[in-house]
Full PDB file with SEQRES, HELIX, SHEET, SSBOND, CRYST1, ORIGX, SCALE, CONECT and MASTER records, all heavy atoms in Angstrom:
SEQRES   1 A   30  VAL SER LEU VAL ILE ASN LYS ILE PHE GLY HIS ARG THR          
SEQRES   2 A   30  ILE CYS HIS ALA PRO LEU MET TYR VAL PHE ILE TYR HIS          
SEQRES   3 A   30  ILE ILE ARG LEU                                              
HELIX    1 AA1 SER A    2  ILE A    8  1                                   7    
HELIX    2 AA2 ILE A   14  HIS A   16  5                                   3    
HELIX    3 AA3 PRO A   18  ARG A   29  1                                  12    
CRYST1    1.000    1.000    1.000  90.00  90.00  90.00 P 1           1          
ORIGX1      1.000000  0.000000  0.000000        0.00000                         
ORIGX2      0.000000  1.000000  0.000000        0.00000                         
ORIGX3      0.000000  0.000000  1.000000        0.00000                         
SCALE1      1.000000  0.000000  0.000000        0.00000                         
SCALE2      0.000000  1.000000  0.000000        0.00000                         
SCALE3      0.000000  0.000000  1.000000        0.00000                         
ATOM      1  N   VAL A   1      42.236  24.965 -10.911  1.00  0.00           N  
ATOM      2  CA  VAL A   1      42.752  23.772 -10.231  1.00  0.00           C  
ATOM      3  C   VAL A   1      41.647  23.125  -9.403  1.00  0.00           C  
ATOM      4  O   VAL A   1      41.459  21.906  -9.423  1.00  0.00           O  
ATOM      5  CB  VAL A   1      43.942  24.133  -9.317  1.00  0.00           C  
ATOM      6  CG1 VAL A   1      44.396  22.902  -8.530  1.00  0.00           C  
ATOM      7  CG2 VAL A   1      45.090  24.681 -10.138  1.00  0.00           C  
ATOM      8  N   SER A   2      40.896  23.963  -8.684  1.00  0.00           N  
ATOM      9  CA  SER A   2      39.801  23.466  -7.854  1.00  0.00           C  
ATOM     10  C   SER A   2      38.737  22.773  -8.694  1.00  0.00           C  
ATOM     11  O   SER A   2      38.232  21.704  -8.325  1.00  0.00           O  
ATOM     12  CB  SER A   2      39.176  24.627  -7.074  1.00  0.00           C  
ATOM     13  OG  SER A   2      38.088  24.179  -6.289  1.00  0.00           O  
ATOM     14  N   LEU A   3      38.406  23.367  -9.828  1.00  0.00           N  
ATOM     15  CA  LEU A   3      37.383  22.804 -10.711  1.00  0.00           C  
ATOM     16  C   LEU A   3      37.813  21.445 -11.235  1.00  0.00           C  
ATOM     17  O   LEU A   3      37.024  20.487 -11.229  1.00  0.00           O  
ATOM     18  CB  LEU A   3      37.116  23.756 -11.873  1.00  0.00           C  
ATOM     19  CG  LEU A   3      36.084  23.288 -12.904  1.00  0.00           C  
ATOM     20  CD1 LEU A   3      34.713  23.128 -12.268  1.00  0.00           C  
ATOM     21  CD2 LEU A   3      36.019  24.277 -14.073  1.00  0.00           C  
ATOM     22  N   VAL A   4      39.063  21.345 -11.673  1.00  0.00           N  
ATOM     23  CA  VAL A   4      39.570  20.084 -12.227  1.00  0.00           C  
ATOM     24  C   VAL A   4      39.559  18.987 -11.166  1.00  0.00           C  
ATOM     25  O   VAL A   4      39.099  17.866 -11.411  1.00  0.00           O  
ATOM     26  CB  VAL A   4      41.001  20.272 -12.786  1.00  0.00           C  
ATOM     27  CG1 VAL A   4      41.601  18.919 -13.159  1.00  0.00           C  
ATOM     28  CG2 VAL A   4      40.988  21.201 -13.987  1.00  0.00           C  
ATOM     29  N   ILE A   5      40.078  19.307  -9.975  1.00  0.00           N  
ATOM     30  CA  ILE A   5      40.127  18.317  -8.891  1.00  0.00           C  
ATOM     31  C   ILE A   5      38.726  17.880  -8.493  1.00  0.00           C  
ATOM     32  O   ILE A   5      38.456  16.689  -8.293  1.00  0.00           O  
ATOM     33  CB  ILE A   5      40.872  18.890  -7.664  1.00  0.00           C  
ATOM     34  CG1 ILE A   5      42.335  19.122  -8.000  1.00  0.00           C  
ATOM     35  CG2 ILE A   5      40.745  17.934  -6.469  1.00  0.00           C  
ATOM     36  CD1 ILE A   5      43.126  19.791  -6.898  1.00  0.00           C  
ATOM     37  N   ASN A   6      37.823  18.851  -8.394  1.00  0.00           N  
ATOM     38  CA  ASN A   6      36.458  18.540  -7.977  1.00  0.00           C  
ATOM     39  C   ASN A   6      35.738  17.667  -9.002  1.00  0.00           C  
ATOM     40  O   ASN A   6      35.014  16.730  -8.627  1.00  0.00           O  
ATOM     41  CB  ASN A   6      35.680  19.837  -7.746  1.00  0.00           C  
ATOM     42  CG  ASN A   6      34.278  19.597  -7.220  1.00  0.00           C  
ATOM     43  OD1 ASN A   6      33.334  19.436  -7.992  1.00  0.00           O  
ATOM     44  ND2 ASN A   6      34.141  19.551  -5.911  1.00  0.00           N  
ATOM     45  N   LYS A   7      35.944  17.961 -10.275  1.00  0.00           N  
ATOM     46  CA  LYS A   7      35.267  17.199 -11.325  1.00  0.00           C  
ATOM     47  C   LYS A   7      35.816  15.788 -11.454  1.00  0.00           C  
ATOM     48  O   LYS A   7      35.070  14.827 -11.675  1.00  0.00           O  
ATOM     49  CB  LYS A   7      35.396  17.927 -12.671  1.00  0.00           C  
ATOM     50  CG  LYS A   7      34.620  19.224 -12.765  1.00  0.00           C  
ATOM     51  CD  LYS A   7      33.126  18.977 -12.654  1.00  0.00           C  
ATOM     52  CE  LYS A   7      32.348  20.287 -12.823  1.00  0.00           C  
ATOM     53  NZ  LYS A   7      30.881  20.059 -12.692  1.00  0.00           N  
ATOM     54  N   ILE A   8      37.129  15.644 -11.282  1.00  0.00           N  
ATOM     55  CA  ILE A   8      37.757  14.330 -11.463  1.00  0.00           C  
ATOM     56  C   ILE A   8      37.639  13.461 -10.208  1.00  0.00           C  
ATOM     57  O   ILE A   8      37.297  12.277 -10.280  1.00  0.00           O  
ATOM     58  CB  ILE A   8      39.239  14.481 -11.851  1.00  0.00           C  
ATOM     59  CG1 ILE A   8      39.358  15.181 -13.205  1.00  0.00           C  
ATOM     60  CG2 ILE A   8      39.919  13.102 -11.890  1.00  0.00           C  
ATOM     61  CD1 ILE A   8      40.781  15.451 -13.635  1.00  0.00           C  
ATOM     62  N   PHE A   9      37.915  14.079  -9.058  1.00  0.00           N  
ATOM     63  CA  PHE A   9      37.985  13.291  -7.833  1.00  0.00           C  
ATOM     64  C   PHE A   9      36.840  13.534  -6.859  1.00  0.00           C  
ATOM     65  O   PHE A   9      36.508  12.662  -6.053  1.00  0.00           O  
ATOM     66  CB  PHE A   9      39.311  13.579  -7.104  1.00  0.00           C  
ATOM     67  CG  PHE A   9      40.528  13.260  -7.911  1.00  0.00           C  
ATOM     68  CD1 PHE A   9      41.251  14.260  -8.540  1.00  0.00           C  
ATOM     69  CD2 PHE A   9      40.959  11.944  -8.056  1.00  0.00           C  
ATOM     70  CE1 PHE A   9      42.380  13.975  -9.290  1.00  0.00           C  
ATOM     71  CE2 PHE A   9      42.086  11.636  -8.797  1.00  0.00           C  
ATOM     72  CZ  PHE A   9      42.795  12.656  -9.420  1.00  0.00           C  
ATOM     73  N   GLY A  10      36.243  14.734  -6.881  1.00  0.00           N  
ATOM     74  CA  GLY A  10      35.203  15.063  -5.914  1.00  0.00           C  
ATOM     75  C   GLY A  10      35.816  15.552  -4.611  1.00  0.00           C  
ATOM     76  O   GLY A  10      37.032  15.720  -4.495  1.00  0.00           O  
ATOM     77  N   HIS A  11      34.950  15.762  -3.608  1.00  0.00           N  
ATOM     78  CA  HIS A  11      35.415  16.285  -2.320  1.00  0.00           C  
ATOM     79  C   HIS A  11      35.822  15.152  -1.378  1.00  0.00           C  
ATOM     80  O   HIS A  11      35.232  14.084  -1.372  1.00  0.00           O  
ATOM     81  CB  HIS A  11      34.299  17.121  -1.677  1.00  0.00           C  
ATOM     82  CG  HIS A  11      34.664  17.694  -0.342  1.00  0.00           C  
ATOM     83  ND1 HIS A  11      35.888  18.292  -0.101  1.00  0.00           N  
ATOM     84  CD2 HIS A  11      33.979  17.758   0.825  1.00  0.00           C  
ATOM     85  CE1 HIS A  11      35.932  18.713   1.150  1.00  0.00           C  
ATOM     86  NE2 HIS A  11      34.795  18.385   1.736  1.00  0.00           N  
ATOM     87  N   ARG A  12      36.855  15.417  -0.598  1.00  0.00           N  
ATOM     88  CA  ARG A  12      37.378  14.479   0.402  1.00  0.00           C  
ATOM     89  C   ARG A  12      37.794  13.133  -0.200  1.00  0.00           C  
ATOM     90  O   ARG A  12      37.380  12.068   0.264  1.00  0.00           O  
ATOM     91  CB  ARG A  12      36.371  14.265   1.533  1.00  0.00           C  
ATOM     92  CG  ARG A  12      36.191  15.509   2.394  1.00  0.00           C  
ATOM     93  CD  ARG A  12      35.691  15.176   3.769  1.00  0.00           C  
ATOM     94  NE  ARG A  12      35.470  16.395   4.534  1.00  0.00           N  
ATOM     95  CZ  ARG A  12      35.143  16.429   5.822  1.00  0.00           C  
ATOM     96  NH1 ARG A  12      35.005  15.297   6.488  1.00  0.00           N  
ATOM     97  NH2 ARG A  12      34.950  17.569   6.444  1.00  0.00           N  
ATOM     98  N   THR A  13      38.583  13.238  -1.227  1.00  0.00           N  
ATOM     99  CA  THR A  13      39.176  12.021  -1.807  1.00  0.00           C  
ATOM    100  C   THR A  13      40.692  12.217  -1.811  1.00  0.00           C  
ATOM    101  O   THR A  13      41.329  12.084  -0.773  1.00  0.00           O  
ATOM    102  CB  THR A  13      38.647  11.775  -3.222  1.00  0.00           C  
ATOM    103  OG1 THR A  13      38.825  12.950  -4.026  1.00  0.00           O  
ATOM    104  CG2 THR A  13      37.173  11.410  -3.198  1.00  0.00           C  
ATOM    105  N   ILE A  14      41.251  12.538  -2.949  1.00  0.00           N  
ATOM    106  CA  ILE A  14      42.702  12.647  -3.067  1.00  0.00           C  
ATOM    107  C   ILE A  14      43.295  13.766  -2.201  1.00  0.00           C  
ATOM    108  O   ILE A  14      44.416  13.643  -1.698  1.00  0.00           O  
ATOM    109  CB  ILE A  14      43.102  12.855  -4.550  1.00  0.00           C  
ATOM    110  CG1 ILE A  14      44.612  12.675  -4.719  1.00  0.00           C  
ATOM    111  CG2 ILE A  14      42.621  14.206  -5.062  1.00  0.00           C  
ATOM    112  CD1 ILE A  14      45.063  12.637  -6.156  1.00  0.00           C  
ATOM    113  N   CYS A  15      42.551  14.851  -2.021  1.00  0.00           N  
ATOM    114  CA  CYS A  15      43.064  15.986  -1.242  1.00  0.00           C  
ATOM    115  C   CYS A  15      42.946  15.775   0.270  1.00  0.00           C  
ATOM    116  O   CYS A  15      43.459  16.579   1.053  1.00  0.00           O  
ATOM    117  CB  CYS A  15      42.329  17.268  -1.627  1.00  0.00           C  
ATOM    118  SG  CYS A  15      42.726  17.819  -3.305  1.00  0.00           S  
ATOM    119  N   HIS A  16      42.255  14.724   0.669  1.00  0.00           N  
ATOM    120  CA  HIS A  16      42.125  14.415   2.096  1.00  0.00           C  
ATOM    121  C   HIS A  16      42.684  13.025   2.399  1.00  0.00           C  
ATOM    122  O   HIS A  16      42.297  12.401   3.388  1.00  0.00           O  
ATOM    123  CB  HIS A  16      40.650  14.471   2.522  1.00  0.00           C  
ATOM    124  CG  HIS A  16      40.115  15.866   2.605  1.00  0.00           C  
ATOM    125  ND1 HIS A  16      39.857  16.621   1.492  1.00  0.00           N  
ATOM    126  CD2 HIS A  16      39.785  16.643   3.680  1.00  0.00           C  
ATOM    127  CE1 HIS A  16      39.391  17.803   1.857  1.00  0.00           C  
ATOM    128  NE2 HIS A  16      39.351  17.845   3.174  1.00  0.00           N  
ATOM    129  N   ALA A  17      43.597  12.563   1.536  1.00  0.00           N  
ATOM    130  CA  ALA A  17      44.152  11.217   1.683  1.00  0.00           C  
ATOM    131  C   ALA A  17      45.538  11.270   2.317  1.00  0.00           C  
ATOM    132  O   ALA A  17      46.493  11.725   1.677  1.00  0.00           O  
ATOM    133  CB  ALA A  17      44.227  10.532   0.326  1.00  0.00           C  
ATOM    134  N   PRO A  18      45.689  10.825   3.564  1.00  0.00           N  
ATOM    135  CA  PRO A  18      46.992  10.851   4.248  1.00  0.00           C  
ATOM    136  C   PRO A  18      48.095  10.144   3.471  1.00  0.00           C  
ATOM    137  O   PRO A  18      49.223  10.640   3.404  1.00  0.00           O  
ATOM    138  CB  PRO A  18      46.698  10.127   5.578  1.00  0.00           C  
ATOM    139  CG  PRO A  18      45.241  10.329   5.802  1.00  0.00           C  
ATOM    140  CD  PRO A  18      44.632  10.300   4.435  1.00  0.00           C  
ATOM    141  N   LEU A  19      47.777   8.997   2.869  1.00  0.00           N  
ATOM    142  CA  LEU A  19      48.790   8.228   2.149  1.00  0.00           C  
ATOM    143  C   LEU A  19      49.336   9.002   0.949  1.00  0.00           C  
ATOM    144  O   LEU A  19      50.528   8.912   0.635  1.00  0.00           O  
ATOM    145  CB  LEU A  19      48.219   6.890   1.685  1.00  0.00           C  
ATOM    146  CG  LEU A  19      47.861   5.886   2.779  1.00  0.00           C  
ATOM    147  CD1 LEU A  19      47.315   4.606   2.159  1.00  0.00           C  
ATOM    148  CD2 LEU A  19      49.072   5.578   3.646  1.00  0.00           C  
ATOM    149  N   MET A  20      48.489   9.779   0.293  1.00  0.00           N  
ATOM    150  CA  MET A  20      48.925  10.559  -0.853  1.00  0.00           C  
ATOM    151  C   MET A  20      49.904  11.643  -0.423  1.00  0.00           C  
ATOM    152  O   MET A  20      50.913  11.894  -1.084  1.00  0.00           O  
ATOM    153  CB  MET A  20      47.716  11.183  -1.568  1.00  0.00           C  
ATOM    154  CG  MET A  20      46.754  10.175  -2.161  1.00  0.00           C  
ATOM    155  SD  MET A  20      47.540   9.097  -3.399  1.00  0.00           S  
ATOM    156  CE  MET A  20      47.982  10.299  -4.652  1.00  0.00           C  
ATOM    157  N   TYR A  21      49.601  12.292   0.717  1.00  0.00           N  
ATOM    158  CA  TYR A  21      50.488  13.347   1.213  1.00  0.00           C  
ATOM    159  C   TYR A  21      51.833  12.780   1.656  1.00  0.00           C  
ATOM    160  O   TYR A  21      52.876  13.400   1.463  1.00  0.00           O  
ATOM    161  CB  TYR A  21      49.828  14.092   2.367  1.00  0.00           C  
ATOM    162  CG  TYR A  21      48.747  15.044   1.916  1.00  0.00           C  
ATOM    163  CD1 TYR A  21      47.411  14.803   2.199  1.00  0.00           C  
ATOM    164  CD2 TYR A  21      49.070  16.195   1.194  1.00  0.00           C  
ATOM    165  CE1 TYR A  21      46.424  15.675   1.783  1.00  0.00           C  
ATOM    166  CE2 TYR A  21      48.078  17.069   0.764  1.00  0.00           C  
ATOM    167  CZ  TYR A  21      46.762  16.807   1.065  1.00  0.00           C  
ATOM    168  OH  TYR A  21      45.786  17.666   0.632  1.00  0.00           O  
ATOM    169  N   VAL A  22      51.821  11.606   2.249  1.00  0.00           N  
ATOM    170  CA  VAL A  22      53.068  10.971   2.674  1.00  0.00           C  
ATOM    171  C   VAL A  22      53.915  10.622   1.448  1.00  0.00           C  
ATOM    172  O   VAL A  22      55.134  10.819   1.442  1.00  0.00           O  
ATOM    173  CB  VAL A  22      52.781   9.699   3.501  1.00  0.00           C  
ATOM    174  CG1 VAL A  22      54.068   8.911   3.752  1.00  0.00           C  
ATOM    175  CG2 VAL A  22      52.124  10.073   4.822  1.00  0.00           C  
ATOM    176  N   PHE A  23      53.265  10.118   0.409  1.00  0.00           N  
ATOM    177  CA  PHE A  23      53.960   9.770  -0.825  1.00  0.00           C  
ATOM    178  C   PHE A  23      54.605  11.014  -1.449  1.00  0.00           C  
ATOM    179  O   PHE A  23      55.784  11.005  -1.833  1.00  0.00           O  
ATOM    180  CB  PHE A  23      52.983   9.131  -1.813  1.00  0.00           C  
ATOM    181  CG  PHE A  23      53.596   8.766  -3.135  1.00  0.00           C  
ATOM    182  CD1 PHE A  23      54.462   7.689  -3.231  1.00  0.00           C  
ATOM    183  CD2 PHE A  23      53.302   9.490  -4.272  1.00  0.00           C  
ATOM    184  CE1 PHE A  23      55.042   7.346  -4.446  1.00  0.00           C  
ATOM    185  CE2 PHE A  23      53.865   9.166  -5.493  1.00  0.00           C  
ATOM    186  CZ  PHE A  23      54.740   8.080  -5.572  1.00  0.00           C  
ATOM    187  N   ILE A  24      53.840  12.104  -1.520  1.00  0.00           N  
ATOM    188  CA  ILE A  24      54.347  13.359  -2.086  1.00  0.00           C  
ATOM    189  C   ILE A  24      55.494  13.902  -1.237  1.00  0.00           C  
ATOM    190  O   ILE A  24      56.481  14.430  -1.752  1.00  0.00           O  
ATOM    191  CB  ILE A  24      53.210  14.401  -2.188  1.00  0.00           C  
ATOM    192  CG1 ILE A  24      52.161  13.936  -3.208  1.00  0.00           C  
ATOM    193  CG2 ILE A  24      53.760  15.769  -2.591  1.00  0.00           C  
ATOM    194  CD1 ILE A  24      50.915  14.786  -3.234  1.00  0.00           C  
ATOM    195  N   TYR A  25      55.359  13.755   0.083  1.00  0.00           N  
ATOM    196  CA  TYR A  25      56.384  14.238   1.008  1.00  0.00           C  
ATOM    197  C   TYR A  25      57.737  13.578   0.726  1.00  0.00           C  
ATOM    198  O   TYR A  25      58.772  14.246   0.680  1.00  0.00           O  
ATOM    199  CB  TYR A  25      55.949  13.957   2.441  1.00  0.00           C  
ATOM    200  CG  TYR A  25      56.952  14.396   3.497  1.00  0.00           C  
ATOM    201  CD1 TYR A  25      56.982  15.717   3.930  1.00  0.00           C  
ATOM    202  CD2 TYR A  25      57.842  13.492   4.057  1.00  0.00           C  
ATOM    203  CE1 TYR A  25      57.882  16.125   4.898  1.00  0.00           C  
ATOM    204  CE2 TYR A  25      58.758  13.894   5.021  1.00  0.00           C  
ATOM    205  CZ  TYR A  25      58.760  15.216   5.445  1.00  0.00           C  
ATOM    206  OH  TYR A  25      59.668  15.610   6.387  1.00  0.00           O  
ATOM    207  N   HIS A  26      57.707  12.280   0.516  1.00  0.00           N  
ATOM    208  CA  HIS A  26      58.949  11.557   0.248  1.00  0.00           C  
ATOM    209  C   HIS A  26      59.571  11.981  -1.079  1.00  0.00           C  
ATOM    210  O   HIS A  26      60.797  12.060  -1.201  1.00  0.00           O  
ATOM    211  CB  HIS A  26      58.701  10.049   0.257  1.00  0.00           C  
ATOM    212  CG  HIS A  26      58.630   9.468   1.630  1.00  0.00           C  
ATOM    213  ND1 HIS A  26      59.753   9.134   2.353  1.00  0.00           N  
ATOM    214  CD2 HIS A  26      57.577   9.199   2.436  1.00  0.00           C  
ATOM    215  CE1 HIS A  26      59.401   8.662   3.531  1.00  0.00           C  
ATOM    216  NE2 HIS A  26      58.086   8.691   3.606  1.00  0.00           N  
ATOM    217  N   ILE A  27      58.759  12.269  -2.061  1.00  0.00           N  
ATOM    218  CA  ILE A  27      59.267  12.739  -3.349  1.00  0.00           C  
ATOM    219  C   ILE A  27      59.927  14.116  -3.189  1.00  0.00           C  
ATOM    220  O   ILE A  27      61.023  14.372  -3.696  1.00  0.00           O  
ATOM    221  CB  ILE A  27      58.138  12.812  -4.391  1.00  0.00           C  
ATOM    222  CG1 ILE A  27      57.614  11.411  -4.706  1.00  0.00           C  
ATOM    223  CG2 ILE A  27      58.629  13.497  -5.663  1.00  0.00           C  
ATOM    224  CD1 ILE A  27      56.460  11.392  -5.666  1.00  0.00           C  
ATOM    225  N   ILE A  28      59.250  14.996  -2.456  1.00  0.00           N  
ATOM    226  CA  ILE A  28      59.770  16.350  -2.243  1.00  0.00           C  
ATOM    227  C   ILE A  28      61.096  16.323  -1.499  1.00  0.00           C  
ATOM    228  O   ILE A  28      62.057  17.009  -1.865  1.00  0.00           O  
ATOM    229  CB  ILE A  28      58.748  17.204  -1.461  1.00  0.00           C  
ATOM    230  CG1 ILE A  28      57.513  17.476  -2.326  1.00  0.00           C  
ATOM    231  CG2 ILE A  28      59.376  18.522  -1.024  1.00  0.00           C  
ATOM    232  CD1 ILE A  28      56.416  18.211  -1.600  1.00  0.00           C  
ATOM    233  N   ARG A  29      61.162  15.503  -0.462  1.00  0.00           N  
ATOM    234  CA  ARG A  29      62.370  15.481   0.358  1.00  0.00           C  
ATOM    235  C   ARG A  29      63.578  14.880  -0.362  1.00  0.00           C  
ATOM    236  O   ARG A  29      64.710  15.035   0.079  1.00  0.00           O  
ATOM    237  CB  ARG A  29      62.109  14.724   1.658  1.00  0.00           C  
ATOM    238  CG  ARG A  29      61.171  15.423   2.614  1.00  0.00           C  
ATOM    239  CD  ARG A  29      61.653  16.813   2.993  1.00  0.00           C  
ATOM    240  NE  ARG A  29      62.886  16.793   3.730  1.00  0.00           N  
ATOM    241  CZ  ARG A  29      62.956  16.785   5.060  1.00  0.00           C  
ATOM    242  NH1 ARG A  29      61.855  16.786   5.784  1.00  0.00           N  
ATOM    243  NH2 ARG A  29      64.136  16.778   5.669  1.00  0.00           N  
ATOM    244  N   LEU A  30      63.361  14.204  -1.474  1.00  0.00           N  
ATOM    245  CA  LEU A  30      64.466  13.672  -2.260  1.00  0.00           C  
ATOM    246  C   LEU A  30      65.112  14.744  -3.138  1.00  0.00           C  
ATOM    247  O   LEU A  30      66.225  14.573  -3.612  1.00  0.00           O  
ATOM    248  CB  LEU A  30      63.982  12.521  -3.144  1.00  0.00           C  
ATOM    249  CG  LEU A  30      63.707  11.192  -2.433  1.00  0.00           C  
ATOM    250  CD1 LEU A  30      63.163  10.178  -3.428  1.00  0.00           C  
ATOM    251  CD2 LEU A  30      64.983  10.649  -1.796  1.00  0.00           C  
TER     252      LEU A  30                                                      
MASTER        0    0    0    3    0    0    0    6  251    1    0    3          
END                                                                             
């Protein structure tokens, strides 16, 4: 998982994006 994320997105992109976590949070809570 780490390799795929790192190769596609790099460090401090999608995994450090507040808006992405908020979006996922709303999906989970539904």
